Amino acid sequence: MRSARAALALPIVLFVAAAAARTPAPAGDAAPSATVPIEEPRAASALRDREFGVTSRQFGLDRRVEMYQWRATASGYERVWNAAPIDSQGYAPGHQNPPTLPLENRRWWSDSASLDGRPIESGVLHALGEWRVFRPNFSRLPANLAATFQPEGDGLGSAENPLDPQIGDLRVSWRELHLPPLEGKLELVDGRWRMSAATAAAALNAAPVPAPVAAPEAEGARRMWPWFGGGALVIVIALVARRRRRAKAKANAAAE
């Protein structure tokens, strides 16, 4: 999971870094401002997970759903909490997992973040925000979900006995996105706060490098090689045979 998150986060950081490293804006209102933020950043509107009635006043809201499942190991099978379905095809009888999660993992981002009355670019949230676990107020939990879930730790769980969950049981938890102190990290350009070039460069250097992934074109070429590569080989062989036949015919004609 960490590798996947890194692969998703890196393009965002690269984009922000490229934007912050652009040539200086023209003189006038577009020029970066040396204004130091006075107030704390705020989000004008709340983020809501309407399915569970969960609300956050921070800059991001993340719902994590996990299901209790079987997982094959070198020594047999073990039961684990996992945020994605584990394919149990081929597992021994009695070790089958539900094919899907009945609830989605979801994430919401604030589009009303501001600082000193000026909007904050979304790239700032993605690059500098810090996810923190929080326990929502479940007073607005819909009746149908209240019949299935009960408070468990910082979130909710569907197990009748949280100490003895069964295969297919769910647990749901939430995180909020907080912004760290932003003084010296932002600049005001065209009336919007964005990361300064130095902050963007630092974020880029701190971003984990994901494992290399084969380009789709290369992967496709490998998959199609038995057809196109093999076909090309057949064509080459046919051309060589044709040339040999022509050369042999010419030799016979000359001999006659």
C-alpha atoms as a PDB file:
ATOM      1  CA  MET A   1       0.000   0.000   0.000  1.00  0.00           C
ATOM      2  CA  ARG A   2       2.768   2.383   0.795  1.00  0.00           C
ATOM      3  CA  SER A   3       4.267   1.872  -2.668  1.00  0.00           C
ATOM      4  CA  ALA A   4       0.894   2.633  -4.270  1.00  0.00           C
ATOM      5  CA  ARG A   5       0.437   5.755  -2.234  1.00  0.00           C
ATOM      6  CA  ALA A   6       3.980   6.867  -3.138  1.00  0.00           C
ATOM      7  CA  ALA A   7       3.265   6.264  -6.842  1.00  0.00           C
ATOM      8  CA  LEU A   8       0.164   8.458  -6.599  1.00  0.00           C
ATOM      9  CA  ALA A   9       1.765  11.188  -4.504  1.00  0.00           C
ATOM     10  CA  LEU A  10       4.910  11.695  -6.609  1.00  0.00           C
ATOM     11  CA  PRO A  11       3.187  13.102  -9.752  1.00  0.00           C
ATOM     12  CA  ILE A  12       1.377  15.649  -7.537  1.00  0.00           C
ATOM     13  CA  VAL A  13       4.640  16.781  -5.942  1.00  0.00           C
ATOM     14  CA  LEU A  14       6.348  16.935  -9.352  1.00  0.00           C
ATOM     15  CA  PHE A  15       3.533  19.088 -10.702  1.00  0.00           C
ATOM     16  CA  VAL A  16       3.681  21.450  -7.732  1.00  0.00           C
ATOM     17  CA  ALA A  17       7.460  21.677  -7.957  1.00  0.00           C
ATOM     18  CA  ALA A  18       7.294  22.498 -11.652  1.00  0.00           C
ATOM     19  CA  ALA A  19       4.679  25.187 -11.051  1.00  0.00           C
ATOM     20  CA  ALA A  20       6.664  26.766  -8.250  1.00  0.00           C
ATOM     21  CA  ALA A  21       9.864  26.768 -10.302  1.00  0.00           C
ATOM     22  CA  ARG A  22       8.371  28.704 -13.209  1.00  0.00           C
ATOM     23  CA  THR A  23       9.999  31.927 -14.377  1.00  0.00           C
ATOM     24  CA  PRO A  24       9.075  34.994 -12.329  1.00  0.00           C
ATOM     25  CA  ALA A  25       5.620  36.377 -13.060  1.00  0.00           C
ATOM     26  CA  PRO A  26       5.267  39.751 -14.804  1.00  0.00           C
ATOM     27  CA  ALA A  27       5.395  42.867 -12.699  1.00  0.00           C
ATOM     28  CA  GLY A  28       2.147  43.986 -11.124  1.00  0.00           C
ATOM     29  CA  ASP A  29      -0.488  41.953  -9.320  1.00  0.00           C
ATOM     30  CA  ALA A  30       0.996  38.685 -10.650  1.00  0.00           C
ATOM     31  CA  ALA A  31       4.344  39.193  -8.891  1.00  0.00           C
ATOM     32  CA  PRO A  32       4.960  36.958  -5.851  1.00  0.00           C
ATOM     33  CA  SER A  33       4.223  38.713  -2.576  1.00  0.00           C
ATOM     34  CA  ALA A  34       6.477  38.660   0.447  1.00  0.00           C
ATOM     35  CA  THR A  35       3.401  38.894   2.681  1.00  0.00           C
ATOM     36  CA  VAL A  36       3.731  36.714   5.772  1.00  0.00           C
ATOM     37  CA  PRO A  37       0.483  34.903   6.675  1.00  0.00           C
ATOM     38  CA  ILE A  38      -1.197  36.404   9.716  1.00  0.00           C
ATOM     39  CA  GLU A  39      -4.102  34.047  10.345  1.00  0.00           C
ATOM     40  CA  GLU A  40      -4.370  30.300  10.545  1.00  0.00           C
ATOM     41  CA  PRO A  41      -5.546  28.464   7.414  1.00  0.00           C
ATOM     42  CA  ARG A  42      -9.216  27.575   7.408  1.00  0.00           C
ATOM     43  CA  ALA A  43     -11.768  25.682   5.353  1.00  0.00           C
ATOM     44  CA  ALA A  44     -14.976  27.585   4.673  1.00  0.00           C
ATOM     45  CA  SER A  45     -17.123  24.492   4.212  1.00  0.00           C
ATOM     46  CA  ALA A  46     -17.147  21.142   5.969  1.00  0.00           C
ATOM     47  CA  LEU A  47     -16.352  17.832   4.340  1.00  0.00           C
ATOM     48  CA  ARG A  48     -18.964  15.100   4.764  1.00  0.00           C
ATOM     49  CA  ASP A  49     -19.087  11.353   4.507  1.00  0.00           C
ATOM     50  CA  ARG A  50     -22.842  11.301   3.996  1.00  0.00           C
ATOM     51  CA  GLU A  51     -23.157   7.518   4.175  1.00  0.00           C
ATOM     52  CA  PHE A  52     -22.073   7.550   7.825  1.00  0.00           C
ATOM     53  CA  GLY A  53     -23.029  11.104   8.766  1.00  0.00           C
ATOM     54  CA  VAL A  54     -19.371  11.947   9.500  1.00  0.00           C
ATOM     55  CA  THR A  55     -18.280  15.605   9.228  1.00  0.00           C
ATOM     56  CA  SER A  56     -14.844  17.237   9.279  1.00  0.00           C
ATOM     57  CA  ARG A  57     -13.848  20.914   9.334  1.00  0.00           C
ATOM     58  CA  GLN A  58     -10.304  20.117   8.247  1.00  0.00           C
ATOM     59  CA  PHE A  59      -8.774  20.113   4.749  1.00  0.00           C
ATOM     60  CA  GLY A  60      -9.318  16.477   3.860  1.00  0.00           C
ATOM     61  CA  LEU A  61     -11.395  13.529   5.005  1.00  0.00           C
ATOM     62  CA  ASP A  62     -10.376   9.915   4.462  1.00  0.00           C
ATOM     63  CA  ARG A  63     -12.515   6.825   5.035  1.00  0.00           C
ATOM     64  CA  ARG A  64     -10.726   3.496   5.370  1.00  0.00           C
ATOM     65  CA  VAL A  65     -12.716   0.264   5.130  1.00  0.00           C
ATOM     66  CA  GLU A  66     -11.134  -3.057   6.076  1.00  0.00           C
ATOM     67  CA  MET A  67     -12.561  -6.567   5.890  1.00  0.00           C
ATOM     68  CA  TYR A  68     -11.518  -9.630   7.874  1.00  0.00           C
ATOM     69  CA  GLN A  69     -10.277 -12.187   5.350  1.00  0.00           C
ATOM     70  CA  TRP A  70      -8.272 -15.319   4.773  1.00  0.00           C
ATOM     71  CA  ARG A  71      -4.766 -14.942   3.382  1.00  0.00           C
ATOM     72  CA  ALA A  72      -2.570 -17.772   2.162  1.00  0.00           C
ATOM     73  CA  THR A  73       0.921 -18.017   3.639  1.00  0.00           C
ATOM     74  CA  ALA A  74       3.868 -20.345   3.197  1.00  0.00           C
ATOM     75  CA  SER A  75       2.727 -22.316   6.254  1.00  0.00           C
ATOM     76  CA  GLY A  76      -1.023 -22.339   5.606  1.00  0.00           C
ATOM     77  CA  TYR A  77      -3.707 -19.702   6.095  1.00  0.00           C
ATOM     78  CA  GLU A  78      -4.089 -16.726   8.397  1.00  0.00           C
ATOM     79  CA  ARG A  79      -6.920 -14.276   9.063  1.00  0.00           C
ATOM     80  CA  VAL A  80      -6.097 -10.600   8.546  1.00  0.00           C
ATOM     81  CA  TRP A  81      -7.745  -7.193   8.207  1.00  0.00           C
ATOM     82  CA  ASN A  82      -7.234  -5.905   4.686  1.00  0.00           C
ATOM     83  CA  ALA A  83      -8.437  -2.772   2.860  1.00  0.00           C
ATOM     84  CA  ALA A  84      -8.844  -4.603  -0.472  1.00  0.00           C
ATOM     85  CA  PRO A  85     -10.498  -7.908  -1.341  1.00  0.00           C
ATOM     86  CA  ILE A  86      -8.130 -10.889  -1.217  1.00  0.00           C
ATOM     87  CA  ASP A  87      -8.725 -13.274  -4.085  1.00  0.00           C
ATOM     88  CA  SER A  88      -9.382 -16.692  -2.533  1.00  0.00           C
ATOM     89  CA  GLN A  89      -9.793 -18.632  -5.764  1.00  0.00           C
ATOM     90  CA  GLY A  90      -7.832 -21.820  -5.353  1.00  0.00           C
ATOM     91  CA  TYR A  91      -7.921 -21.663  -1.546  1.00  0.00           C
ATOM     92  CA  ALA A  92      -8.769 -24.840   0.346  1.00  0.00           C
ATOM     93  CA  PRO A  93     -12.431 -25.414   1.259  1.00  0.00           C
ATOM     94  CA  GLY A  94     -13.496 -23.366   4.239  1.00  0.00           C
ATOM     95  CA  HIS A  95     -11.132 -20.520   3.346  1.00  0.00           C
ATOM     96  CA  GLN A  96     -13.255 -18.501   0.931  1.00  0.00           C
ATOM     97  CA  ASN A  97     -13.428 -14.681   1.130  1.00  0.00           C
ATOM     98  CA  PRO A  98     -16.287 -12.425   0.028  1.00  0.00           C
ATOM     99  CA  PRO A  99     -15.524 -11.293  -3.555  1.00  0.00           C
ATOM    100  CA  THR A 100     -15.904  -7.562  -2.843  1.00  0.00           C
ATOM    101  CA  LEU A 101     -16.010  -5.012  -0.046  1.00  0.00           C
ATOM    102  CA  PRO A 102     -19.587  -3.826   0.504  1.00  0.00           C
ATOM    103  CA  LEU A 103     -18.283  -0.323   1.277  1.00  0.00           C
ATOM    104  CA  GLU A 104     -15.734   1.815  -0.584  1.00  0.00           C
ATOM    105  CA  ASN A 105     -12.570   3.429   0.679  1.00  0.00           C
ATOM    106  CA  ARG A 106     -13.096   7.122  -0.104  1.00  0.00           C
ATOM    107  CA  ARG A 107     -11.275  10.456   0.217  1.00  0.00           C
ATOM    108  CA  TRP A 108     -12.560  14.024   0.073  1.00  0.00           C
ATOM    109  CA  TRP A 109     -10.446  17.191  -0.408  1.00  0.00           C
ATOM    110  CA  SER A 110     -11.407  20.696   0.612  1.00  0.00           C
ATOM    111  CA  ASP A 111     -12.021  23.162  -2.222  1.00  0.00           C
ATOM    112  CA  SER A 112     -12.515  26.105   0.138  1.00  0.00           C
ATOM    113  CA  ALA A 113      -9.136  26.259   1.926  1.00  0.00           C
ATOM    114  CA  SER A 114      -7.961  29.829   2.514  1.00  0.00           C
ATOM    115  CA  LEU A 115      -5.329  31.828   4.344  1.00  0.00           C
ATOM    116  CA  ASP A 116      -5.763  35.498   5.239  1.00  0.00           C
ATOM    117  CA  GLY A 117      -8.860  35.493   3.043  1.00  0.00           C
ATOM    118  CA  ARG A 118      -6.976  34.221  -0.036  1.00  0.00           C
ATOM    119  CA  PRO A 119      -7.495  30.720  -1.497  1.00  0.00           C
ATOM    120  CA  ILE A 120      -4.862  28.026  -1.057  1.00  0.00           C
ATOM    121  CA  GLU A 121      -3.978  25.970  -4.121  1.00  0.00           C
ATOM    122  CA  SER A 122      -4.913  22.300  -3.870  1.00  0.00           C
ATOM    123  CA  GLY A 123      -1.292  21.295  -4.469  1.00  0.00           C
ATOM    124  CA  VAL A 124      -0.409  22.737  -1.056  1.00  0.00           C
ATOM    125  CA  LEU A 125      -2.894  20.393   0.619  1.00  0.00           C
ATOM    126  CA  HIS A 126      -1.649  17.349  -1.288  1.00  0.00           C
ATOM    127  CA  ALA A 127       2.039  18.052  -0.664  1.00  0.00           C
ATOM    128  CA  LEU A 128       2.095  19.515   2.854  1.00  0.00           C
ATOM    129  CA  GLY A 129      -1.029  18.119   4.522  1.00  0.00           C
ATOM    130  CA  GLU A 130      -0.691  15.609   7.379  1.00  0.00           C
ATOM    131  CA  TRP A 131      -3.243  12.805   7.865  1.00  0.00           C
ATOM    132  CA  ARG A 132      -4.307  12.215  11.461  1.00  0.00           C
ATOM    133  CA  VAL A 133      -6.686   9.616  12.850  1.00  0.00           C
ATOM    134  CA  PHE A 134      -9.772  11.022  14.529  1.00  0.00           C
ATOM    135  CA  ARG A 135     -12.875   9.558  16.155  1.00  0.00           C
ATOM    136  CA  PRO A 136     -16.044  11.070  14.672  1.00  0.00           C
ATOM    137  CA  ASN A 137     -19.274  11.744  16.496  1.00  0.00           C
ATOM    138  CA  PHE A 138     -21.589   8.934  15.424  1.00  0.00           C
ATOM    139  CA  SER A 139     -24.777  10.655  16.587  1.00  0.00           C
ATOM    140  CA  ARG A 140     -25.850  11.001  12.932  1.00  0.00           C
ATOM    141  CA  LEU A 141     -25.183   7.394  11.978  1.00  0.00           C
ATOM    142  CA  PRO A 142     -28.111   6.261   9.791  1.00  0.00           C
ATOM    143  CA  ALA A 143     -30.413   3.661  11.342  1.00  0.00           C
ATOM    144  CA  ASN A 144     -29.565   0.964   8.795  1.00  0.00           C
ATOM    145  CA  LEU A 145     -25.850   1.276   9.577  1.00  0.00           C
ATOM    146  CA  ALA A 146     -26.451   1.603  13.322  1.00  0.00           C
ATOM    147  CA  ALA A 147     -28.073  -1.840  13.147  1.00  0.00           C
ATOM    148  CA  THR A 148     -24.887  -3.264  11.591  1.00  0.00           C
ATOM    149  CA  PHE A 149     -22.041  -1.313  13.196  1.00  0.00           C
ATOM    150  CA  GLN A 150     -21.005  -0.501  16.741  1.00  0.00           C
ATOM    151  CA  PRO A 151     -18.218   1.739  18.065  1.00  0.00           C
ATOM    152  CA  GLU A 152     -14.872  -0.028  17.962  1.00  0.00           C
ATOM    153  CA  GLY A 153     -11.642   1.771  18.798  1.00  0.00           C
ATOM    154  CA  ASP A 154     -11.586   5.084  16.932  1.00  0.00           C
ATOM    155  CA  GLY A 155     -14.148   3.911  14.384  1.00  0.00           C
ATOM    156  CA  LEU A 156     -16.887   1.372  13.802  1.00  0.00           C
ATOM    157  CA  GLY A 157     -16.959  -2.408  13.492  1.00  0.00           C
ATOM    158  CA  SER A 158     -19.524  -4.951  12.388  1.00  0.00           C
ATOM    159  CA  ALA A 159     -18.260  -7.877  14.514  1.00  0.00           C
ATOM    160  CA  GLU A 160     -20.669  -9.012  17.221  1.00  0.00           C
ATOM    161  CA  ASN A 161     -17.598  -9.635  19.367  1.00  0.00           C
ATOM    162  CA  PRO A 162     -14.721  -7.278  18.446  1.00  0.00           C
ATOM    163  CA  LEU A 163     -12.299  -9.698  20.140  1.00  0.00           C
ATOM    164  CA  ASP A 164     -13.454 -12.546  17.904  1.00  0.00           C
ATOM    165  CA  PRO A 165     -14.195 -11.152  14.414  1.00  0.00           C
ATOM    166  CA  GLN A 166     -15.451 -13.500  11.697  1.00  0.00           C
ATOM    167  CA  ILE A 167     -14.536 -13.670   8.025  1.00  0.00           C
ATOM    168  CA  GLY A 168     -16.440 -10.916   6.203  1.00  0.00           C
ATOM    169  CA  ASP A 169     -16.679  -8.588   9.213  1.00  0.00           C
ATOM    170  CA  LEU A 170     -15.876  -4.936   8.545  1.00  0.00           C
ATOM    171  CA  ARG A 171     -14.258  -2.102  10.410  1.00  0.00           C
ATOM    172  CA  VAL A 172     -14.310   1.532   9.316  1.00  0.00           C
ATOM    173  CA  SER A 173     -12.041   4.363  10.457  1.00  0.00           C
ATOM    174  CA  TRP A 174     -11.496   7.976   9.429  1.00  0.00           C
ATOM    175  CA  ARG A 175      -8.616  10.444   9.162  1.00  0.00           C
ATOM    176  CA  GLU A 176      -8.514  14.216   8.792  1.00  0.00           C
ATOM    177  CA  LEU A 177      -5.968  16.246   6.826  1.00  0.00           C
ATOM    178  CA  HIS A 178      -4.273  18.950   8.908  1.00  0.00           C
ATOM    179  CA  LEU A 179      -1.967  21.665   7.614  1.00  0.00           C
ATOM    180  CA  PRO A 180       1.327  22.332   9.433  1.00  0.00           C
ATOM    181  CA  PRO A 181       2.562  25.873  10.160  1.00  0.00           C
ATOM    182  CA  LEU A 182       2.870  27.542   6.752  1.00  0.00           C
ATOM    183  CA  GLU A 183       4.997  30.576   7.546  1.00  0.00           C
ATOM    184  CA  GLY A 184       7.878  30.794   5.071  1.00  0.00           C
ATOM    185  CA  LYS A 185       6.502  27.944   2.954  1.00  0.00           C
ATOM    186  CA  LEU A 186       4.053  29.813   0.710  1.00  0.00           C
ATOM    187  CA  GLU A 187       3.982  32.776  -1.631  1.00  0.00           C
ATOM    188  CA  LEU A 188       1.043  34.820  -2.863  1.00  0.00           C
ATOM    189  CA  VAL A 189       0.730  34.798  -6.660  1.00  0.00           C
ATOM    190  CA  ASP A 190      -2.270  36.088  -8.594  1.00  0.00           C
ATOM    191  CA  GLY A 191      -4.220  36.299  -5.364  1.00  0.00           C
ATOM    192  CA  ARG A 192      -3.663  32.632  -4.487  1.00  0.00           C
ATOM    193  CA  TRP A 193      -1.320  30.950  -2.029  1.00  0.00           C
ATOM    194  CA  ARG A 194       1.037  28.406  -3.512  1.00  0.00           C
ATOM    195  CA  MET A 195       4.206  26.696  -2.319  1.00  0.00           C
ATOM    196  CA  SER A 196       7.401  28.667  -2.675  1.00  0.00           C
ATOM    197  CA  ALA A 197      10.078  27.265  -4.960  1.00  0.00           C
ATOM    198  CA  ALA A 198      12.228  26.246  -1.971  1.00  0.00           C
ATOM    199  CA  THR A 199       9.322  24.445  -0.289  1.00  0.00           C
ATOM    200  CA  ALA A 200       8.390  22.669  -3.515  1.00  0.00           C
ATOM    201  CA  ALA A 201      11.992  21.528  -4.010  1.00  0.00           C
ATOM    202  CA  ALA A 202      12.168  20.258  -0.411  1.00  0.00           C
ATOM    203  CA  ALA A 203       8.879  18.385  -0.848  1.00  0.00           C
ATOM    204  CA  LEU A 204      10.180  16.852  -4.073  1.00  0.00           C
ATOM    205  CA  ASN A 205      13.399  15.699  -2.413  1.00  0.00           C
ATOM    206  CA  ALA A 206      11.472  14.236   0.521  1.00  0.00           C
ATOM    207  CA  ALA A 207       9.000  12.326  -1.661  1.00  0.00           C
ATOM    208  CA  PRO A 208       9.688   8.577  -1.736  1.00  0.00           C
ATOM    209  CA  VAL A 209      10.691   7.228  -5.112  1.00  0.00           C
ATOM    210  CA  PRO A 210       8.258   4.530  -6.271  1.00  0.00           C
ATOM    211  CA  ALA A 211       9.440   1.262  -7.746  1.00  0.00           C
ATOM    212  CA  PRO A 212       9.842   1.458 -11.525  1.00  0.00           C
ATOM    213  CA  VAL A 213       6.750   0.416 -13.437  1.00  0.00           C
ATOM    214  CA  ALA A 214       6.885  -0.927 -16.948  1.00  0.00           C
ATOM    215  CA  ALA A 215       5.440   1.485 -19.476  1.00  0.00           C
ATOM    216  CA  PRO A 216       2.115   0.341 -20.933  1.00  0.00           C
ATOM    217  CA  GLU A 217       3.611   0.467 -24.413  1.00  0.00           C
ATOM    218  CA  ALA A 218       6.479  -1.811 -23.433  1.00  0.00           C
ATOM    219  CA  GLU A 219       4.153  -4.175 -21.607  1.00  0.00           C
ATOM    220  CA  GLY A 220       1.861  -4.259 -24.608  1.00  0.00           C
ATOM    221  CA  ALA A 221       4.786  -4.937 -26.908  1.00  0.00           C
ATOM    222  CA  ARG A 222       5.859  -7.877 -24.768  1.00  0.00           C
ATOM    223  CA  ARG A 223       2.350  -9.294 -24.780  1.00  0.00           C
ATOM    224  CA  MET A 224       1.990  -8.908 -28.548  1.00  0.00           C
ATOM    225  CA  TRP A 225       5.458 -10.231 -29.425  1.00  0.00           C
ATOM    226  CA  PRO A 226       4.280 -13.836 -29.901  1.00  0.00           C
ATOM    227  CA  TRP A 227       1.969 -12.464 -32.615  1.00  0.00           C
ATOM    228  CA  PHE A 228       3.809  -9.559 -34.221  1.00  0.00           C
ATOM    229  CA  GLY A 229       7.313 -10.781 -33.435  1.00  0.00           C
ATOM    230  CA  GLY A 230       6.512 -14.300 -34.607  1.00  0.00           C
ATOM    231  CA  GLY A 231       4.745 -12.925 -37.684  1.00  0.00           C
ATOM    232  CA  ALA A 232       7.772 -10.829 -38.598  1.00  0.00           C
ATOM    233  CA  LEU A 233       9.979 -13.895 -38.294  1.00  0.00           C
ATOM    234  CA  VAL A 234       7.715 -15.825 -40.669  1.00  0.00           C
ATOM    235  CA  ILE A 235       7.847 -12.962 -43.192  1.00  0.00           C
ATOM    236  CA  VAL A 236      11.654 -12.853 -43.040  1.00  0.00           C
ATOM    237  CA  ILE A 237      11.883 -16.621 -43.594  1.00  0.00           C
ATOM    238  CA  ALA A 238       9.481 -16.372 -46.544  1.00  0.00           C
ATOM    239  CA  LEU A 239      11.515 -13.585 -48.155  1.00  0.00           C
ATOM    240  CA  VAL A 240      14.768 -15.507 -47.749  1.00  0.00           C
ATOM    241  CA  ALA A 241      13.200 -18.621 -49.278  1.00  0.00           C
ATOM    242  CA  ARG A 242      11.837 -16.573 -52.163  1.00  0.00           C
ATOM    243  CA  ARG A 243      15.254 -15.070 -52.885  1.00  0.00           C
ATOM    244  CA  ARG A 244      16.830 -18.502 -52.804  1.00  0.00           C
ATOM    245  CA  ARG A 245      14.246 -19.834 -55.272  1.00  0.00           C
ATOM    246  CA  ARG A 246      14.892 -16.888 -57.597  1.00  0.00           C
ATOM    247  CA  ALA A 247      18.657 -17.369 -57.355  1.00  0.00           C
ATOM    248  CA  LYS A 248      18.282 -21.096 -58.073  1.00  0.00           C
ATOM    249  CA  ALA A 249      16.030 -20.390 -61.081  1.00  0.00           C
ATOM    250  CA  LYS A 250      18.567 -17.944 -62.491  1.00  0.00           C
ATOM    251  CA  ALA A 251      21.356 -20.444 -61.993  1.00  0.00           C
ATOM    252  CA  ASN A 252      19.407 -23.167 -63.798  1.00  0.00           C
ATOM    253  CA  ALA A 253      18.573 -20.792 -66.673  1.00  0.00           C
ATOM    254  CA  ALA A 254      22.221 -19.863 -67.047  1.00  0.00           C
ATOM    255  CA  ALA A 255      23.236 -23.492 -67.064  1.00  0.00           C
ATOM    256  CA  GLU A 256      20.802 -24.248 -69.871  1.00  0.00           C
END
